[in-house]
Amino acid sequence: MAKTTNINVTSNEANNNTLKVAFATDDDNTVDRSFSKAKKFIVYDISKDKCTIKKIIEIDTSNLPEGEKIKYIISSLKGVNIIYCKNIIGGDAAKVISSGITPVKVKYIDSIEELLSQFTYMINNNPPPWIRKIMNIELEDVRLDRWKSE
């Protein structure tokens, strides 16, 4: 039978306006695993102000039939908004997306610290609408203001 170990990090702080972002990793420092082969995901809560580790999910799917592995991994990541991985095949990506998680494939073996820095910068400067919606960030209609001045 498959096994999942969740190591939760507890905090007294409220988790409002945060994204849950998971990174597929073996070494805890880089995104170095493909989605279907990952044995560990580090999940961060990311807000405009900071990034904190929420939990570490260790997954063992070695005893599952091939068709059940992806379902099991997805269920283990319940509540995660975005997953960074080295690679994800089309069919698996479709299943991940239909579960409400957005997969992001990295081009190189990227540092988790650098990805967190880039993500925080994006949130604080010009997050796309779908991230604003998840984080309950007020949408400013910059385009309408621009048109008013013309």
N, C-alpha and C. Protein backbone atom coordinates (compact mmCIF):
# COMPACT_ATOMS: atom_id res chain seq x y z
N MET A 1 0.84 -1.18 0.00
CA MET A 1 0.00 0.00 0.00
C MET A 1 0.89 1.24 0.00
N ALA A 2 0.41 2.30 -0.61
CA ALA A 2 1.16 3.55 -0.70
C ALA A 2 1.24 4.19 0.69
N LYS A 3 2.27 5.00 0.85
CA LYS A 3 2.49 5.63 2.14
C LYS A 3 2.82 7.11 1.93
N THR A 4 2.19 7.97 2.74
CA THR A 4 2.47 9.39 2.71
C THR A 4 2.82 9.82 4.12
N THR A 5 3.92 10.55 4.24
CA THR A 5 4.30 11.12 5.52
C THR A 5 4.21 12.63 5.39
N ASN A 6 3.39 13.25 6.24
CA ASN A 6 3.26 14.70 6.27
C ASN A 6 3.96 15.22 7.51
N ILE A 7 4.91 16.10 7.31
CA ILE A 7 5.56 16.78 8.42
C ILE A 7 5.03 18.20 8.40
N ASN A 8 4.13 18.51 9.34
CA ASN A 8 3.50 19.82 9.37
C ASN A 8 4.29 20.78 10.24
N VAL A 9 4.36 22.01 9.79
CA VAL A 9 4.97 23.07 10.57
C VAL A 9 3.83 23.91 11.11
N THR A 10 3.75 24.02 12.42
CA THR A 10 2.64 24.77 13.00
C THR A 10 3.04 26.20 13.29
N SER A 11 2.05 27.06 13.24
CA SER A 11 2.27 28.48 13.48
C SER A 11 1.01 29.07 14.08
N ASN A 12 1.16 30.11 14.87
CA ASN A 12 0.01 30.80 15.44
C ASN A 12 -0.53 31.89 14.53
N GLU A 13 0.16 32.13 13.42
CA GLU A 13 -0.23 33.20 12.51
C GLU A 13 -1.35 32.74 11.59
N ALA A 14 -2.24 33.68 11.26
CA ALA A 14 -3.31 33.39 10.31
C ALA A 14 -2.71 33.24 8.91
N ASN A 15 -3.32 32.41 8.09
CA ASN A 15 -2.81 32.16 6.75
C ASN A 15 -3.66 32.84 5.69
N ASN A 16 -4.14 34.03 5.97
CA ASN A 16 -4.93 34.76 4.99
C ASN A 16 -4.03 35.29 3.89
N ASN A 17 -4.58 35.37 2.72
CA ASN A 17 -3.88 35.93 1.57
C ASN A 17 -2.56 35.22 1.28
N THR A 18 -2.56 33.92 1.36
CA THR A 18 -1.36 33.16 1.04
C THR A 18 -1.65 32.15 -0.06
N LEU A 19 -0.59 31.80 -0.75
CA LEU A 19 -0.61 30.71 -1.72
C LEU A 19 0.13 29.54 -1.11
N LYS A 20 -0.31 28.34 -1.43
CA LYS A 20 0.43 27.15 -1.05
C LYS A 20 1.13 26.66 -2.30
N VAL A 21 2.46 26.69 -2.26
CA VAL A 21 3.27 26.31 -3.41
C VAL A 21 4.17 25.14 -3.01
N ALA A 22 4.13 24.07 -3.82
CA ALA A 22 4.93 22.88 -3.54
C ALA A 22 6.06 22.77 -4.56
N PHE A 23 7.18 22.23 -4.09
CA PHE A 23 8.36 22.03 -4.93
C PHE A 23 8.76 20.56 -4.88
N ALA A 24 8.88 19.92 -6.06
CA ALA A 24 9.31 18.53 -6.15
C ALA A 24 10.82 18.49 -6.01
N THR A 25 11.31 17.82 -4.96
CA THR A 25 12.74 17.86 -4.67
C THR A 25 13.23 16.57 -4.03
N ASP A 26 14.49 16.29 -4.23
CA ASP A 26 15.17 15.21 -3.51
C ASP A 26 16.12 15.78 -2.47
N ASP A 27 16.72 16.94 -2.81
CA ASP A 27 17.78 17.48 -1.96
C ASP A 27 17.34 18.64 -1.05
N ASP A 28 16.07 18.98 -1.06
CA ASP A 28 15.50 20.06 -0.25
C ASP A 28 15.95 21.46 -0.66
N ASN A 29 16.76 21.59 -1.70
CA ASN A 29 17.27 22.89 -2.11
C ASN A 29 16.92 23.26 -3.55
N THR A 30 16.67 22.26 -4.38
CA THR A 30 16.41 22.53 -5.80
C THR A 30 15.18 21.76 -6.28
N VAL A 31 14.58 22.25 -7.36
CA VAL A 31 13.50 21.52 -8.02
C VAL A 31 14.20 20.57 -8.98
N ASP A 32 14.37 19.33 -8.54
CA ASP A 32 15.18 18.38 -9.29
C ASP A 32 14.44 17.07 -9.63
N ARG A 33 13.11 17.05 -9.44
CA ARG A 33 12.36 15.84 -9.72
C ARG A 33 11.17 16.12 -10.63
N SER A 34 10.85 15.14 -11.46
CA SER A 34 9.64 15.25 -12.26
C SER A 34 8.44 14.95 -11.36
N PHE A 35 7.26 15.41 -11.76
CA PHE A 35 6.07 15.26 -10.92
C PHE A 35 5.81 13.80 -10.55
N SER A 36 5.80 12.93 -11.52
CA SER A 36 5.42 11.53 -11.27
C SER A 36 6.49 10.73 -10.53
N LYS A 37 7.72 11.19 -10.53
CA LYS A 37 8.81 10.46 -9.87
C LYS A 37 9.19 11.06 -8.52
N ALA A 38 8.60 12.19 -8.16
CA ALA A 38 8.97 12.87 -6.91
C ALA A 38 8.59 12.03 -5.70
N LYS A 39 9.47 11.95 -4.77
CA LYS A 39 9.22 11.26 -3.51
C LYS A 39 9.01 12.25 -2.37
N LYS A 40 9.33 13.54 -2.65
CA LYS A 40 9.19 14.55 -1.61
C LYS A 40 8.75 15.87 -2.23
N PHE A 41 7.82 16.54 -1.56
CA PHE A 41 7.37 17.87 -1.94
C PHE A 41 7.48 18.76 -0.71
N ILE A 42 8.15 19.89 -0.86
CA ILE A 42 8.19 20.87 0.22
C ILE A 42 7.14 21.92 -0.11
N VAL A 43 6.22 22.15 0.82
CA VAL A 43 5.11 23.07 0.62
C VAL A 43 5.37 24.34 1.44
N TYR A 44 5.30 25.47 0.73
CA TYR A 44 5.47 26.78 1.37
C TYR A 44 4.17 27.54 1.35
N ASP A 45 3.93 28.33 2.39
CA ASP A 45 2.92 29.38 2.37
C ASP A 45 3.63 30.63 1.91
N ILE A 46 3.13 31.24 0.84
CA ILE A 46 3.76 32.44 0.30
C ILE A 46 2.76 33.59 0.36
N SER A 47 3.19 34.68 0.99
CA SER A 47 2.37 35.88 1.05
C SER A 47 3.20 37.03 0.51
N LYS A 48 2.61 38.22 0.52
CA LYS A 48 3.35 39.39 0.05
C LYS A 48 4.56 39.67 0.93
N ASP A 49 4.48 39.28 2.19
CA ASP A 49 5.53 39.62 3.15
C ASP A 49 6.59 38.55 3.34
N LYS A 50 6.20 37.28 3.22
CA LYS A 50 7.18 36.23 3.54
C LYS A 50 6.80 34.88 2.96
N CYS A 51 7.78 34.00 3.03
CA CYS A 51 7.61 32.61 2.61
C CYS A 51 7.97 31.74 3.81
N THR A 52 7.08 30.84 4.18
CA THR A 52 7.36 29.95 5.29
C THR A 52 7.03 28.52 4.89
N ILE A 53 7.85 27.60 5.36
CA ILE A 53 7.58 26.18 5.09
C ILE A 53 6.33 25.78 5.86
N LYS A 54 5.37 25.22 5.15
CA LYS A 54 4.13 24.76 5.77
C LYS A 54 4.24 23.29 6.14
N LYS A 55 4.75 22.49 5.19
CA LYS A 55 4.92 21.07 5.47
C LYS A 55 5.82 20.42 4.44
N ILE A 56 6.27 19.24 4.78
CA ILE A 56 7.05 18.41 3.87
C ILE A 56 6.23 17.13 3.66
N ILE A 57 5.98 16.81 2.42
CA ILE A 57 5.19 15.62 2.10
C ILE A 57 6.13 14.60 1.46
N GLU A 58 6.27 13.45 2.11
CA GLU A 58 7.07 12.36 1.56
C GLU A 58 6.11 11.27 1.08
N ILE A 59 6.32 10.84 -0.16
CA ILE A 59 5.38 9.93 -0.80
C ILE A 59 6.10 8.67 -1.27
N ASP A 60 5.50 7.52 -0.96
CA ASP A 60 6.01 6.24 -1.47
C ASP A 60 4.87 5.55 -2.22
N THR A 61 5.00 5.51 -3.54
CA THR A 61 3.96 4.89 -4.37
C THR A 61 4.43 3.56 -4.96
N SER A 62 5.50 3.01 -4.42
CA SER A 62 6.10 1.81 -5.01
C SER A 62 5.18 0.61 -5.04
N ASN A 63 4.22 0.53 -4.14
CA ASN A 63 3.32 -0.62 -4.10
C ASN A 63 2.00 -0.40 -4.83
N LEU A 64 1.85 0.76 -5.48
CA LEU A 64 0.61 1.05 -6.20
C LEU A 64 0.71 0.64 -7.66
N PRO A 65 -0.42 0.23 -8.24
CA PRO A 65 -0.42 -0.02 -9.68
C PRO A 65 -0.15 1.30 -10.42
N GLU A 66 0.42 1.19 -11.59
CA GLU A 66 0.83 2.38 -12.35
C GLU A 66 -0.30 3.39 -12.53
N GLY A 67 -1.50 2.96 -12.78
CA GLY A 67 -2.62 3.86 -13.00
C GLY A 67 -3.10 4.62 -11.77
N GLU A 68 -2.69 4.19 -10.59
CA GLU A 68 -3.14 4.81 -9.34
C GLU A 68 -2.12 5.80 -8.77
N LYS A 69 -0.89 5.77 -9.25
CA LYS A 69 0.17 6.59 -8.65
C LYS A 69 -0.12 8.09 -8.75
N ILE A 70 -0.51 8.55 -9.91
CA ILE A 70 -0.74 9.99 -10.11
C ILE A 70 -1.92 10.45 -9.25
N LYS A 71 -3.00 9.68 -9.20
CA LYS A 71 -4.14 10.02 -8.35
C LYS A 71 -3.70 10.16 -6.89
N TYR A 72 -2.86 9.24 -6.46
CA TYR A 72 -2.39 9.25 -5.07
C TYR A 72 -1.53 10.48 -4.79
N ILE A 73 -0.63 10.81 -5.69
CA ILE A 73 0.22 11.99 -5.52
C ILE A 73 -0.65 13.25 -5.45
N ILE A 74 -1.61 13.35 -6.35
CA ILE A 74 -2.50 14.52 -6.37
C ILE A 74 -3.28 14.61 -5.06
N SER A 75 -3.80 13.51 -4.57
CA SER A 75 -4.55 13.55 -3.31
C SER A 75 -3.66 13.94 -2.14
N SER A 76 -2.39 13.58 -2.20
CA SER A 76 -1.45 13.96 -1.14
C SER A 76 -1.16 15.45 -1.14
N LEU A 77 -1.36 16.10 -2.30
CA LEU A 77 -1.08 17.53 -2.44
C LEU A 77 -2.35 18.38 -2.29
N LYS A 78 -3.40 17.81 -1.74
CA LYS A 78 -4.66 18.53 -1.58
C LYS A 78 -4.42 19.86 -0.83
N GLY A 79 -4.98 20.94 -1.37
CA GLY A 79 -4.83 22.25 -0.76
C GLY A 79 -3.71 23.08 -1.34
N VAL A 80 -2.84 22.45 -2.14
CA VAL A 80 -1.74 23.16 -2.80
C VAL A 80 -2.30 23.89 -4.02
N ASN A 81 -1.83 25.12 -4.25
CA ASN A 81 -2.29 25.90 -5.41
C ASN A 81 -1.39 25.70 -6.63
N ILE A 82 -0.07 25.63 -6.40
CA ILE A 82 0.90 25.56 -7.49
C ILE A 82 1.96 24.52 -7.15
N ILE A 83 2.37 23.75 -8.15
CA ILE A 83 3.46 22.78 -7.97
C ILE A 83 4.54 23.05 -8.98
N TYR A 84 5.78 23.21 -8.51
CA TYR A 84 6.94 23.35 -9.37
C TYR A 84 7.60 21.98 -9.48
N CYS A 85 7.91 21.57 -10.72
CA CYS A 85 8.57 20.29 -10.93
C CYS A 85 9.50 20.39 -12.13
N LYS A 86 10.41 19.44 -12.23
CA LYS A 86 11.37 19.42 -13.34
C LYS A 86 10.68 19.08 -14.65
N ASN A 87 9.68 18.20 -14.58
CA ASN A 87 8.98 17.77 -15.78
C ASN A 87 7.61 17.22 -15.38
N ILE A 88 6.66 17.31 -16.30
CA ILE A 88 5.34 16.70 -16.10
C ILE A 88 4.79 16.39 -17.48
N ILE A 89 4.33 15.16 -17.67
CA ILE A 89 3.81 14.79 -18.98
C ILE A 89 2.37 15.28 -19.14
N GLY A 90 1.93 15.41 -20.39
CA GLY A 90 0.64 16.00 -20.72
C GLY A 90 -0.55 15.43 -19.97
N GLY A 91 -0.69 14.13 -19.94
CA GLY A 91 -1.83 13.50 -19.27
C GLY A 91 -1.83 13.77 -17.78
N ASP A 92 -0.65 13.71 -17.17
CA ASP A 92 -0.54 14.01 -15.75
C ASP A 92 -0.84 15.47 -15.47
N ALA A 93 -0.36 16.36 -16.35
CA ALA A 93 -0.62 17.79 -16.19
C ALA A 93 -2.12 18.06 -16.23
N ALA A 94 -2.83 17.40 -17.13
CA ALA A 94 -4.28 17.58 -17.22
C ALA A 94 -4.98 17.15 -15.93
N LYS A 95 -4.54 16.04 -15.36
CA LYS A 95 -5.13 15.56 -14.09
C LYS A 95 -4.83 16.54 -12.95
N VAL A 96 -3.60 17.05 -12.92
CA VAL A 96 -3.21 18.00 -11.87
C VAL A 96 -4.05 19.28 -12.00
N ILE A 97 -4.17 19.79 -13.20
CA ILE A 97 -4.94 21.01 -13.44
C ILE A 97 -6.41 20.80 -13.07
N SER A 98 -6.98 19.65 -13.45
CA SER A 98 -8.40 19.41 -13.14
C SER A 98 -8.63 19.27 -11.63
N SER A 99 -7.57 18.99 -10.87
CA SER A 99 -7.71 18.92 -9.41
C SER A 99 -7.59 20.29 -8.76
N GLY A 100 -7.30 21.32 -9.56
CA GLY A 100 -7.21 22.68 -9.02
C GLY A 100 -5.80 23.14 -8.72
N ILE A 101 -4.81 22.35 -9.10
CA ILE A 101 -3.40 22.70 -8.89
C ILE A 101 -2.80 23.12 -10.22
N THR A 102 -2.04 24.20 -10.21
CA THR A 102 -1.37 24.66 -11.42
C THR A 102 0.06 24.13 -11.44
N PRO A 103 0.41 23.30 -12.43
CA PRO A 103 1.79 22.80 -12.50
C PRO A 103 2.68 23.81 -13.23
N VAL A 104 3.91 23.96 -12.75
CA VAL A 104 4.90 24.82 -13.40
C VAL A 104 6.14 23.98 -13.61
N LYS A 105 6.54 23.86 -14.86
CA LYS A 105 7.72 23.07 -15.21
C LYS A 105 8.92 24.02 -15.27
N VAL A 106 9.99 23.69 -14.52
CA VAL A 106 11.19 24.52 -14.55
C VAL A 106 12.08 24.06 -15.69
N LYS A 107 12.80 25.01 -16.29
CA LYS A 107 13.68 24.69 -17.41
C LYS A 107 14.95 23.98 -16.96
N TYR A 108 15.48 24.43 -15.85
CA TYR A 108 16.73 23.89 -15.33
C TYR A 108 16.47 23.39 -13.92
N ILE A 109 17.47 22.81 -13.31
CA ILE A 109 17.33 22.43 -11.92
C ILE A 109 17.50 23.72 -11.11
N ASP A 110 16.37 24.33 -10.77
CA ASP A 110 16.37 25.65 -10.16
C ASP A 110 16.37 25.56 -8.64
N SER A 111 17.03 26.54 -8.04
CA SER A 111 17.07 26.68 -6.59
C SER A 111 15.69 27.08 -6.08
N ILE A 112 15.21 26.39 -5.05
CA ILE A 112 13.92 26.73 -4.45
C ILE A 112 13.98 28.15 -3.89
N GLU A 113 15.09 28.51 -3.27
CA GLU A 113 15.24 29.86 -2.72
C GLU A 113 15.09 30.92 -3.80
N GLU A 114 15.69 30.69 -4.96
CA GLU A 114 15.60 31.65 -6.06
C GLU A 114 14.16 31.71 -6.61
N LEU A 115 13.52 30.57 -6.73
CA LEU A 115 12.13 30.55 -7.20
C LEU A 115 11.21 31.28 -6.22
N LEU A 116 11.43 31.09 -4.93
CA LEU A 116 10.64 31.81 -3.92
C LEU A 116 10.85 33.31 -4.03
N SER A 117 12.09 33.71 -4.26
CA SER A 117 12.40 35.13 -4.41
C SER A 117 11.69 35.72 -5.63
N GLN A 118 11.74 35.01 -6.75
CA GLN A 118 11.06 35.46 -7.97
C GLN A 118 9.55 35.52 -7.76
N PHE A 119 9.02 34.54 -7.09
CA PHE A 119 7.58 34.48 -6.85
C PHE A 119 7.13 35.63 -5.97
N THR A 120 7.86 35.89 -4.91
CA THR A 120 7.53 37.01 -4.00
C THR A 120 7.61 38.33 -4.73
N TYR A 121 8.62 38.51 -5.57
CA TYR A 121 8.75 39.73 -6.36
C TYR A 121 7.52 39.91 -7.26
N MET A 122 7.12 38.84 -7.94
CA MET A 122 5.96 38.90 -8.83
C MET A 122 4.69 39.26 -8.05
N ILE A 123 4.49 38.65 -6.89
CA ILE A 123 3.30 38.94 -6.10
C ILE A 123 3.24 40.40 -5.69
N ASN A 124 4.39 40.96 -5.35
CA ASN A 124 4.44 42.34 -4.86
C ASN A 124 4.45 43.37 -5.97
N ASN A 125 4.61 42.97 -7.21
CA ASN A 125 4.69 43.95 -8.29
C ASN A 125 3.54 43.85 -9.28
N ASN A 126 3.35 42.72 -9.89
CA ASN A 126 2.27 42.62 -10.88
C ASN A 126 1.80 41.17 -11.00
N PRO A 127 1.09 40.69 -9.97
CA PRO A 127 0.62 39.31 -10.05
C PRO A 127 -0.48 39.16 -11.10
N PRO A 128 -0.49 38.03 -11.80
CA PRO A 128 -1.56 37.80 -12.77
C PRO A 128 -2.91 37.68 -12.05
N PRO A 129 -3.99 37.92 -12.75
CA PRO A 129 -5.32 37.89 -12.12
C PRO A 129 -5.65 36.61 -11.37
N TRP A 130 -5.25 35.45 -11.88
CA TRP A 130 -5.59 34.20 -11.20
C TRP A 130 -4.90 34.08 -9.85
N ILE A 131 -3.70 34.64 -9.71
CA ILE A 131 -3.03 34.63 -8.42
C ILE A 131 -3.68 35.66 -7.50
N ARG A 132 -4.05 36.81 -8.03
CA ARG A 132 -4.77 37.80 -7.23
C ARG A 132 -6.04 37.21 -6.65
N LYS A 133 -6.73 36.44 -7.46
CA LYS A 133 -7.99 35.83 -7.00
C LYS A 133 -7.74 34.86 -5.85
N ILE A 134 -6.74 33.99 -6.00
CA ILE A 134 -6.44 33.02 -4.95
C ILE A 134 -6.04 33.72 -3.65
N MET A 135 -5.27 34.79 -3.78
CA MET A 135 -4.73 35.48 -2.60
C MET A 135 -5.65 36.59 -2.08
N ASN A 136 -6.80 36.77 -2.71
CA ASN A 136 -7.73 37.82 -2.31
C ASN A 136 -7.10 39.21 -2.35
N ILE A 137 -6.29 39.44 -3.36
CA ILE A 137 -5.68 40.75 -3.56
C ILE A 137 -6.65 41.59 -4.36
N GLU A 138 -6.91 42.79 -3.89
CA GLU A 138 -7.83 43.68 -4.61
C GLU A 138 -7.32 43.91 -6.02
N LEU A 139 -8.22 43.79 -6.97
CA LEU A 139 -7.88 44.05 -8.35
C LEU A 139 -8.00 45.53 -8.63
N GLU A 140 -6.93 46.11 -9.09
CA GLU A 140 -6.96 47.51 -9.48
C GLU A 140 -7.09 47.55 -10.99
N ASP A 141 -8.05 48.29 -11.47
CA ASP A 141 -8.23 48.35 -12.91
C ASP A 141 -7.37 49.47 -13.47
N VAL A 142 -6.11 49.14 -13.66
CA VAL A 142 -5.13 50.11 -14.14
C VAL A 142 -5.49 50.59 -15.53
N ARG A 143 -6.03 49.71 -16.35
CA ARG A 143 -6.36 50.10 -17.72
C ARG A 143 -7.41 51.19 -17.76
N LEU A 144 -8.42 51.12 -16.92
CA LEU A 144 -9.44 52.16 -16.93
C LEU A 144 -8.87 53.50 -16.53
N ASP A 145 -8.01 53.53 -15.52
CA ASP A 145 -7.37 54.78 -15.13
C ASP A 145 -6.53 55.35 -16.26
N ARG A 146 -5.86 54.50 -16.99
CA ARG A 146 -5.03 54.95 -18.09
C ARG A 146 -5.89 55.57 -19.20
N TRP A 147 -7.05 54.94 -19.45
CA TRP A 147 -7.92 55.45 -20.51
C TRP A 147 -8.54 56.79 -20.12
N LYS A 148 -8.80 56.97 -18.83
CA LYS A 148 -9.39 58.22 -18.37
C LYS A 148 -8.46 59.40 -18.62
N SER A 149 -7.15 59.16 -18.53
CA SER A 149 -6.20 60.26 -18.69
C SER A 149 -5.93 60.59 -20.15
N GLU A 150 -6.38 59.77 -21.07
CA GLU A 150 -6.12 60.05 -22.50
C GLU A 150 -7.14 60.98 -23.09
